[in-house]
Amino acid sequence: EQELFENLEAGYKRLKLDISSSLGKEPKVYGVAG
């Protein structure tokens, strides 16, 4: 399970890429928990 975790910068970049590709399209909702 721990091997599935990314470090902060890797996770940030992956999320940024997904958000960038989603802007300008249908509304998308991201849930950030912890």
PDB file of all heavy atoms in Angstrom:
ATOM      1  N   GLU A   1       0.834  -1.201   0.000  1.00  0.00           N
ATOM      2  CA  GLU A   1       0.000   0.000   0.000  1.00  0.00           C
ATOM      3  C   GLU A   1       0.866   1.246   0.000  1.00  0.00           C
ATOM      4  O   GLU A   1       0.610   2.204  -0.731  1.00  0.00           O
ATOM      5  CB  GLU A   1      -0.916   0.007   1.219  1.00  0.00           C
ATOM      6  CG  GLU A   1      -1.837   1.209   1.279  1.00  0.00           C
ATOM      7  CD  GLU A   1      -2.660   1.261   2.551  1.00  0.00           C
ATOM      8  OE1 GLU A   1      -2.073   1.537   3.612  1.00  0.00           O
ATOM      9  OE2 GLU A   1      -3.869   1.020   2.486  1.00  0.00           O
ATOM     10  N   GLN A   2       1.932   1.267   0.821  1.00  0.00           N
ATOM     11  CA  GLN A   2       2.809   2.428   0.906  1.00  0.00           C
ATOM     12  C   GLN A   2       3.526   2.692  -0.414  1.00  0.00           C
ATOM     13  O   GLN A   2       3.842   3.830  -0.747  1.00  0.00           O
ATOM     14  CB  GLN A   2       3.824   2.243   2.038  1.00  0.00           C
ATOM     15  CG  GLN A   2       3.223   2.305   3.434  1.00  0.00           C
ATOM     16  CD  GLN A   2       2.470   3.606   3.689  1.00  0.00           C
ATOM     17  OE1 GLN A   2       2.964   4.689   3.399  1.00  0.00           O
ATOM     18  NE2 GLN A   2       1.256   3.493   4.214  1.00  0.00           N
ATOM     19  N   GLU A   3       3.779   1.635  -1.190  1.00  0.00           N
ATOM     20  CA  GLU A   3       4.454   1.799  -2.472  1.00  0.00           C
ATOM     21  C   GLU A   3       3.576   2.539  -3.482  1.00  0.00           C
ATOM     22  O   GLU A   3       4.062   3.033  -4.497  1.00  0.00           O
ATOM     23  CB  GLU A   3       4.848   0.422  -3.020  1.00  0.00           C
ATOM     24  CG  GLU A   3       6.006  -0.219  -2.249  1.00  0.00           C
ATOM     25  CD  GLU A   3       6.283  -1.641  -2.701  1.00  0.00           C
ATOM     26  OE1 GLU A   3       5.480  -2.177  -3.499  1.00  0.00           O
ATOM     27  OE2 GLU A   3       7.290  -2.208  -2.249  1.00  0.00           O
ATOM     28  N   LEU A   4       2.271   2.595  -3.206  1.00  0.00           N
ATOM     29  CA  LEU A   4       1.349   3.304  -4.096  1.00  0.00           C
ATOM     30  C   LEU A   4       1.409   4.811  -3.894  1.00  0.00           C
ATOM     31  O   LEU A   4       0.940   5.577  -4.724  1.00  0.00           O
ATOM     32  CB  LEU A   4      -0.087   2.818  -3.859  1.00  0.00           C
ATOM     33  CG  LEU A   4      -0.373   1.344  -4.173  1.00  0.00           C
ATOM     34  CD1 LEU A   4      -1.790   0.990  -3.744  1.00  0.00           C
ATOM     35  CD2 LEU A   4      -0.169   1.053  -5.648  1.00  0.00           C
ATOM     36  N   PHE A   5       1.999   5.263  -2.769  1.00  0.00           N
ATOM     37  CA  PHE A   5       2.066   6.686  -2.462  1.00  0.00           C
ATOM     38  C   PHE A   5       3.177   7.371  -3.253  1.00  0.00           C
ATOM     39  O   PHE A   5       4.282   6.845  -3.388  1.00  0.00           O
ATOM     40  CB  PHE A   5       2.301   6.899  -0.962  1.00  0.00           C
ATOM     41  CG  PHE A   5       1.065   6.769  -0.124  1.00  0.00           C
ATOM     42  CD1 PHE A   5       0.613   5.528   0.288  1.00  0.00           C
ATOM     43  CD2 PHE A   5       0.338   7.884   0.261  1.00  0.00           C
ATOM     44  CE1 PHE A   5      -0.524   5.390   1.061  1.00  0.00           C
ATOM     45  CE2 PHE A   5      -0.813   7.769   1.030  1.00  0.00           C
ATOM     46  CZ  PHE A   5      -1.238   6.520   1.431  1.00  0.00           C
ATOM     47  N   GLU A   6       2.864   8.573  -3.757  1.00  0.00           N
ATOM     48  CA  GLU A   6       3.859   9.401  -4.425  1.00  0.00           C
ATOM     49  C   GLU A   6       4.342  10.470  -3.448  1.00  0.00           C
ATOM     50  O   GLU A   6       3.653  10.800  -2.486  1.00  0.00           O
ATOM     51  CB  GLU A   6       3.237  10.086  -5.640  1.00  0.00           C
ATOM     52  CG  GLU A   6       2.612   9.127  -6.640  1.00  0.00           C
ATOM     53  CD  GLU A   6       1.967   9.851  -7.805  1.00  0.00           C
ATOM     54  OE1 GLU A   6       2.631  10.708  -8.416  1.00  0.00           O
ATOM     55  OE2 GLU A   6       0.809   9.558  -8.107  1.00  0.00           O
ATOM     56  N   ASN A   7       5.537  11.051  -3.700  1.00  0.00           N
ATOM     57  CA  ASN A   7       5.967  12.153  -2.840  1.00  0.00           C
ATOM     58  C   ASN A   7       5.195  13.411  -3.231  1.00  0.00           C
ATOM     59  O   ASN A   7       4.475  13.436  -4.237  1.00  0.00           O
ATOM     60  CB  ASN A   7       7.488  12.370  -2.910  1.00  0.00           C
ATOM     61  CG  ASN A   7       7.966  12.797  -4.295  1.00  0.00           C
ATOM     62  OD1 ASN A   7       7.350  13.639  -4.960  1.00  0.00           O
ATOM     63  ND2 ASN A   7       9.061  12.214  -4.756  1.00  0.00           N
ATOM     64  N   LEU A   8       5.330  14.467  -2.433  1.00  0.00           N
ATOM     65  CA  LEU A   8       4.508  15.666  -2.613  1.00  0.00           C
ATOM     66  C   LEU A   8       4.668  16.287  -3.990  1.00  0.00           C
ATOM     67  O   LEU A   8       3.677  16.599  -4.653  1.00  0.00           O
ATOM     68  CB  LEU A   8       4.852  16.692  -1.528  1.00  0.00           C
ATOM     69  CG  LEU A   8       4.036  17.993  -1.560  1.00  0.00           C
ATOM     70  CD1 LEU A   8       2.556  17.703  -1.341  1.00  0.00           C
ATOM     71  CD2 LEU A   8       4.547  18.976  -0.515  1.00  0.00           C
ATOM     72  N   GLU A   9       5.894  16.463  -4.449  1.00  0.00           N
ATOM     73  CA  GLU A   9       6.111  17.129  -5.734  1.00  0.00           C
ATOM     74  C   GLU A   9       5.603  16.294  -6.902  1.00  0.00           C
ATOM     75  O   GLU A   9       5.022  16.813  -7.846  1.00  0.00           O
ATOM     76  CB  GLU A   9       7.600  17.469  -5.919  1.00  0.00           C
ATOM     77  CG  GLU A   9       8.036  18.691  -5.145  1.00  0.00           C
ATOM     78  CD  GLU A   9       7.150  19.915  -5.412  1.00  0.00           C
ATOM     79  OE1 GLU A   9       6.937  20.254  -6.587  1.00  0.00           O
ATOM     80  OE2 GLU A   9       6.660  20.518  -4.445  1.00  0.00           O
ATOM     81  N   ALA A  10       5.812  14.975  -6.833  1.00  0.00           N
ATOM     82  CA  ALA A  10       5.335  14.096  -7.899  1.00  0.00           C
ATOM     83  C   ALA A  10       3.810  14.130  -7.952  1.00  0.00           C
ATOM     84  O   ALA A  10       3.209  14.208  -9.028  1.00  0.00           O
ATOM     85  CB  ALA A  10       5.838  12.669  -7.676  1.00  0.00           C
ATOM     86  N   GLY A  11       3.173  14.077  -6.778  1.00  0.00           N
ATOM     87  CA  GLY A  11       1.715  14.131  -6.715  1.00  0.00           C
ATOM     88  C   GLY A  11       1.183  15.472  -7.190  1.00  0.00           C
ATOM     89  O   GLY A  11       0.161  15.540  -7.885  1.00  0.00           O
ATOM     90  N   TYR A  12       1.891  16.542  -6.802  1.00  0.00           N
ATOM     91  CA  TYR A  12       1.496  17.897  -7.227  1.00  0.00           C
ATOM     92  C   TYR A  12       1.538  18.013  -8.743  1.00  0.00           C
ATOM     93  O   TYR A  12       0.594  18.519  -9.374  1.00  0.00           O
ATOM     94  CB  TYR A  12       2.434  18.927  -6.597  1.00  0.00           C
ATOM     95  CG  TYR A  12       2.284  20.318  -7.178  1.00  0.00           C
ATOM     96  CD1 TYR A  12       1.235  21.142  -6.790  1.00  0.00           C
ATOM     97  CD2 TYR A  12       3.187  20.796  -8.128  1.00  0.00           C
ATOM     98  CE1 TYR A  12       1.082  22.411  -7.336  1.00  0.00           C
ATOM     99  CE2 TYR A  12       3.043  22.055  -8.678  1.00  0.00           C
ATOM    100  CZ  TYR A  12       1.992  22.867  -8.275  1.00  0.00           C
ATOM    101  OH  TYR A  12       1.842  24.109  -8.823  1.00  0.00           O
ATOM    102  N   LYS A  13       2.598  17.534  -9.357  1.00  0.00           N
ATOM    103  CA  LYS A  13       2.755  17.633 -10.810  1.00  0.00           C
ATOM    104  C   LYS A  13       1.697  16.797 -11.541  1.00  0.00           C
ATOM    105  O   LYS A  13       1.162  17.217 -12.559  1.00  0.00           O
ATOM    106  CB  LYS A  13       4.158  17.191 -11.215  1.00  0.00           C
ATOM    107  CG  LYS A  13       5.242  18.179 -10.810  1.00  0.00           C
ATOM    108  CD  LYS A  13       6.627  17.662 -11.143  1.00  0.00           C
ATOM    109  CE  LYS A  13       7.701  18.662 -10.695  1.00  0.00           C
ATOM    110  NZ  LYS A  13       9.072  18.128 -10.944  1.00  0.00           N
ATOM    111  N   ARG A  14       1.420  15.615 -11.007  1.00  0.00           N
ATOM    112  CA  ARG A  14       0.418  14.756 -11.639  1.00  0.00           C
ATOM    113  C   ARG A  14      -0.967  15.396 -11.581  1.00  0.00           C
ATOM    114  O   ARG A  14      -1.721  15.389 -12.551  1.00  0.00           O
ATOM    115  CB  ARG A  14       0.404  13.395 -10.946  1.00  0.00           C
ATOM    116  CG  ARG A  14      -0.511  12.380 -11.614  1.00  0.00           C
ATOM    117  CD  ARG A  14      -0.415  11.049 -10.918  1.00  0.00           C
ATOM    118  NE  ARG A  14      -1.498  10.173 -11.314  1.00  0.00           N
ATOM    119  CZ  ARG A  14      -1.844   9.084 -10.666  1.00  0.00           C
ATOM    120  NH1 ARG A  14      -1.191   8.733  -9.584  1.00  0.00           N
ATOM    121  NH2 ARG A  14      -2.845   8.322 -11.076  1.00  0.00           N
ATOM    122  N   LEU A  15      -1.276  15.988 -10.423  1.00  0.00           N
ATOM    123  CA  LEU A  15      -2.563  16.657 -10.264  1.00  0.00           C
ATOM    124  C   LEU A  15      -2.633  17.896 -11.148  1.00  0.00           C
ATOM    125  O   LEU A  15      -3.662  18.170 -11.773  1.00  0.00           O
ATOM    126  CB  LEU A  15      -2.766  17.034  -8.795  1.00  0.00           C
ATOM    127  CG  LEU A  15      -4.096  17.699  -8.412  1.00  0.00           C
ATOM    128  CD1 LEU A  15      -5.273  16.813  -8.800  1.00  0.00           C
ATOM    129  CD2 LEU A  15      -4.128  17.999  -6.913  1.00  0.00           C
ATOM    130  N   LYS A  16      -1.542  18.653 -11.212  1.00  0.00           N
ATOM    131  CA  LYS A  16      -1.491  19.864 -12.040  1.00  0.00           C
ATOM    132  C   LYS A  16      -1.741  19.525 -13.505  1.00  0.00           C
ATOM    133  O   LYS A  16      -2.477  20.236 -14.203  1.00  0.00           O
ATOM    134  CB  LYS A  16      -0.132  20.544 -11.883  1.00  0.00           C
ATOM    135  CG  LYS A  16       0.011  21.840 -12.677  1.00  0.00           C
ATOM    136  CD  LYS A  16       1.392  22.450 -12.474  1.00  0.00           C
ATOM    137  CE  LYS A  16       1.550  23.717 -13.311  1.00  0.00           C
ATOM    138  NZ  LYS A  16       2.906  24.315 -13.146  1.00  0.00           N
ATOM    139  N   LEU A  17      -1.162  18.430 -13.961  1.00  0.00           N
ATOM    140  CA  LEU A  17      -1.338  18.002 -15.350  1.00  0.00           C
ATOM    141  C   LEU A  17      -2.794  17.651 -15.628  1.00  0.00           C
ATOM    142  O   LEU A  17      -3.351  18.036 -16.662  1.00  0.00           O
ATOM    143  CB  LEU A  17      -0.439  16.795 -15.634  1.00  0.00           C
ATOM    144  CG  LEU A  17      -0.454  16.253 -17.072  1.00  0.00           C
ATOM    145  CD1 LEU A  17       0.080  17.306 -18.043  1.00  0.00           C
ATOM    146  CD2 LEU A  17       0.391  14.985 -17.172  1.00  0.00           C
ATOM    147  N   ASP A  18      -3.430  16.947 -14.679  1.00  0.00           N
ATOM    148  CA  ASP A  18      -4.829  16.572 -14.863  1.00  0.00           C
ATOM    149  C   ASP A  18      -5.728  17.797 -14.860  1.00  0.00           C
ATOM    150  O   ASP A  18      -6.642  17.917 -15.682  1.00  0.00           O
ATOM    151  CB  ASP A  18      -5.255  15.607 -13.754  1.00  0.00           C
ATOM    152  CG  ASP A  18      -6.577  14.908 -14.077  1.00  0.00           C
ATOM    153  OD1 ASP A  18      -7.640  15.535 -13.899  1.00  0.00           O
ATOM    154  OD2 ASP A  18      -6.537  13.746 -14.503  1.00  0.00           O
ATOM    155  N   ILE A  19      -5.453  18.728 -13.935  1.00  0.00           N
ATOM    156  CA  ILE A  19      -6.249  19.956 -13.861  1.00  0.00           C
ATOM    157  C   ILE A  19      -6.095  20.783 -15.139  1.00  0.00           C
ATOM    158  O   ILE A  19      -7.072  21.285 -15.699  1.00  0.00           O
ATOM    159  CB  ILE A  19      -5.846  20.787 -12.628  1.00  0.00           C
ATOM    160  CG1 ILE A  19      -6.356  20.100 -11.346  1.00  0.00           C
ATOM    161  CG2 ILE A  19      -6.392  22.209 -12.719  1.00  0.00           C
ATOM    162  CD1 ILE A  19      -5.901  20.759 -10.070  1.00  0.00           C
ATOM    163  N   SER A  20      -4.863  20.909 -15.623  1.00  0.00           N
ATOM    164  CA  SER A  20      -4.603  21.694 -16.835  1.00  0.00           C
ATOM    165  C   SER A  20      -5.359  21.149 -18.034  1.00  0.00           C
ATOM    166  O   SER A  20      -5.875  21.902 -18.867  1.00  0.00           O
ATOM    167  CB  SER A  20      -3.099  21.713 -17.142  1.00  0.00           C
ATOM    168  OG  SER A  20      -2.384  22.342 -16.097  1.00  0.00           O
ATOM    169  N   SER A  21      -5.444  19.828 -18.114  1.00  0.00           N
ATOM    170  CA  SER A  21      -6.130  19.206 -19.250  1.00  0.00           C
ATOM    171  C   SER A  21      -7.654  19.267 -19.101  1.00  0.00           C
ATOM    172  O   SER A  21      -8.383  19.039 -20.069  1.00  0.00           O
ATOM    173  CB  SER A  21      -5.686  17.743 -19.401  1.00  0.00           C
ATOM    174  OG  SER A  21      -6.098  16.975 -18.286  1.00  0.00           O
ATOM    175  N   SER A  22      -8.134  19.579 -17.889  1.00  0.00           N
ATOM    176  CA  SER A  22      -9.576  19.615 -17.634  1.00  0.00           C
ATOM    177  C   SER A  22     -10.184  21.000 -17.758  1.00  0.00           C
ATOM    178  O   SER A  22     -11.392  21.141 -17.965  1.00  0.00           O
ATOM    179  CB  SER A  22      -9.875  19.072 -16.226  1.00  0.00           C
ATOM    180  OG  SER A  22      -9.439  17.734 -16.104  1.00  0.00           O
ATOM    181  N   LEU A  23      -9.360  22.043 -17.621  1.00  0.00           N
ATOM    182  CA  LEU A  23      -9.860  23.410 -17.717  1.00  0.00           C
ATOM    183  C   LEU A  23     -10.431  23.688 -19.109  1.00  0.00           C
ATOM    184  O   LEU A  23      -9.911  23.225 -20.116  1.00  0.00           O
ATOM    185  CB  LEU A  23      -8.744  24.407 -17.416  1.00  0.00           C
ATOM    186  CG  LEU A  23      -8.360  24.560 -15.940  1.00  0.00           C
ATOM    187  CD1 LEU A  23      -7.038  25.305 -15.807  1.00  0.00           C
ATOM    188  CD2 LEU A  23      -9.459  25.276 -15.168  1.00  0.00           C
ATOM    189  N   GLY A  24     -11.531  24.434 -19.133  1.00  0.00           N
ATOM    190  CA  GLY A  24     -12.149  24.789 -20.398  1.00  0.00           C
ATOM    191  C   GLY A  24     -13.131  23.751 -20.914  1.00  0.00           C
ATOM    192  O   GLY A  24     -13.699  23.919 -21.991  1.00  0.00           O
ATOM    193  N   LYS A  25     -13.339  22.696 -20.135  1.00  0.00           N
ATOM    194  CA  LYS A  25     -14.262  21.638 -20.542  1.00  0.00           C
ATOM    195  C   LYS A  25     -15.448  21.616 -19.583  1.00  0.00           C
ATOM    196  O   LYS A  25     -15.762  22.604 -18.942  1.00  0.00           O
ATOM    197  CB  LYS A  25     -13.528  20.296 -20.555  1.00  0.00           C
ATOM    198  CG  LYS A  25     -12.337  20.267 -21.513  1.00  0.00           C
ATOM    199  CD  LYS A  25     -11.597  18.944 -21.441  1.00  0.00           C
ATOM    200  CE  LYS A  25     -10.382  18.946 -22.371  1.00  0.00           C
ATOM    201  NZ  LYS A  25      -9.610  17.685 -22.268  1.00  0.00           N
ATOM    202  N   GLU A  26     -16.109  20.484 -19.476  1.00  0.00           N
ATOM    203  CA  GLU A  26     -17.214  20.339 -18.530  1.00  0.00           C
ATOM    204  C   GLU A  26     -16.685  20.473 -17.104  1.00  0.00           C
ATOM    205  O   GLU A  26     -15.541  20.093 -16.820  1.00  0.00           O
ATOM    206  CB  GLU A  26     -17.885  18.978 -18.707  1.00  0.00           C
ATOM    207  CG  GLU A  26     -18.653  18.815 -20.009  1.00  0.00           C
ATOM    208  CD  GLU A  26     -19.839  19.764 -20.087  1.00  0.00           C
ATOM    209  OE1 GLU A  26     -20.594  19.857 -19.097  1.00  0.00           O
ATOM    210  OE2 GLU A  26     -19.998  20.425 -21.133  1.00  0.00           O
ATOM    211  N   PRO A  27     -17.485  21.020 -16.168  1.00  0.00           N
ATOM    212  CA  PRO A  27     -17.023  21.168 -14.780  1.00  0.00           C
ATOM    213  C   PRO A  27     -16.545  19.830 -14.206  1.00  0.00           C
ATOM    214  O   PRO A  27     -17.183  18.795 -14.404  1.00  0.00           O
ATOM    215  CB  PRO A  27     -18.275  21.657 -14.048  1.00  0.00           C
ATOM    216  CG  PRO A  27     -19.082  22.331 -15.107  1.00  0.00           C
ATOM    217  CD  PRO A  27     -18.851  21.533 -16.352  1.00  0.00           C
ATOM    218  N   LYS A  28     -15.419  19.871 -13.540  1.00  0.00           N
ATOM    219  CA  LYS A  28     -14.849  18.673 -12.927  1.00  0.00           C
ATOM    220  C   LYS A  28     -14.586  18.966 -11.458  1.00  0.00           C
ATOM    221  O   LYS A  28     -14.168  20.073 -11.100  1.00  0.00           O
ATOM    222  CB  LYS A  28     -13.554  18.276 -13.642  1.00  0.00           C
ATOM    223  CG  LYS A  28     -12.981  16.929 -13.214  1.00  0.00           C
ATOM    224  CD  LYS A  28     -11.832  16.512 -14.139  1.00  0.00           C
ATOM    225  CE  LYS A  28     -11.290  15.146 -13.751  1.00  0.00           C
ATOM    226  NZ  LYS A  28     -10.212  14.696 -14.666  1.00  0.00           N
ATOM    227  N   VAL A  29     -14.820  17.981 -10.601  1.00  0.00           N
ATOM    228  CA  VAL A  29     -14.648  18.164  -9.160  1.00  0.00           C
ATOM    229  C   VAL A  29     -13.529  17.264  -8.645  1.00  0.00           C
ATOM    230  O   VAL A  29     -13.552  16.044  -8.864  1.00  0.00           O
ATOM    231  CB  VAL A  29     -15.955  17.848  -8.395  1.00  0.00           C
ATOM    232  CG1 VAL A  29     -15.768  18.132  -6.908  1.00  0.00           C
ATOM    233  CG2 VAL A  29     -17.122  18.664  -8.953  1.00  0.00           C
ATOM    234  N   TYR A  30     -12.574  17.884  -7.969  1.00  0.00           N
ATOM    235  CA  TYR A  30     -11.472  17.161  -7.346  1.00  0.00           C
ATOM    236  C   TYR A  30     -11.693  17.148  -5.835  1.00  0.00           C
ATOM    237  O   TYR A  30     -11.959  18.189  -5.238  1.00  0.00           O
ATOM    238  CB  TYR A  30     -10.131  17.834  -7.650  1.00  0.00           C
ATOM    239  CG  TYR A  30      -9.741  17.795  -9.109  1.00  0.00           C
ATOM    240  CD1 TYR A  30     -10.299  18.695 -10.026  1.00  0.00           C
ATOM    241  CD2 TYR A  30      -8.829  16.872  -9.577  1.00  0.00           C
ATOM    242  CE1 TYR A  30      -9.961  18.657 -11.371  1.00  0.00           C
ATOM    243  CE2 TYR A  30      -8.469  16.819 -10.919  1.00  0.00           C
ATOM    244  CZ  TYR A  30      -9.037  17.721 -11.808  1.00  0.00           C
ATOM    245  OH  TYR A  30      -8.697  17.675 -13.140  1.00  0.00           O
ATOM    246  N   GLY A  31     -11.584  15.987  -5.224  1.00  0.00           N
ATOM    247  CA  GLY A  31     -11.686  15.886  -3.769  1.00  0.00           C
ATOM    248  C   GLY A  31     -10.310  15.674  -3.177  1.00  0.00           C
ATOM    249  O   GLY A  31      -9.598  14.751  -3.580  1.00  0.00           O
ATOM    250  N   VAL A  32      -9.916  16.552  -2.247  1.00  0.00           N
ATOM    251  CA  VAL A  32      -8.597  16.449  -1.613  1.00  0.00           C
ATOM    252  C   VAL A  32      -8.802  16.205  -0.122  1.00  0.00           C
ATOM    253  O   VAL A  32      -9.273  17.080   0.606  1.00  0.00           O
ATOM    254  CB  VAL A  32      -7.757  17.727  -1.837  1.00  0.00           C
ATOM    255  CG1 VAL A  32      -6.400  17.603  -1.147  1.00  0.00           C
ATOM    256  CG2 VAL A  32      -7.572  17.983  -3.331  1.00  0.00           C
ATOM    257  N   ALA A  33      -8.467  15.006   0.327  1.00  0.00           N
ATOM    258  CA  ALA A  33      -8.705  14.608   1.711  1.00  0.00           C
ATOM    259  C   ALA A  33      -7.401  14.191   2.394  1.00  0.00           C
ATOM    260  O   ALA A  33      -6.359  14.049   1.759  1.00  0.00           O
ATOM    261  CB  ALA A  33      -9.718  13.450   1.755  1.00  0.00           C
ATOM    262  N   GLY A  34      -7.497  13.977   3.706  1.00  0.00           N
ATOM    263  CA  GLY A  34      -6.340  13.565   4.497  1.00  0.00           C
ATOM    264  C   GLY A  34      -6.514  14.031   5.927  1.00  0.00           C
ATOM    265  O   GLY A  34      -7.426  14.801   6.233  1.00  0.00           O
TER     266      GLY A  34
END
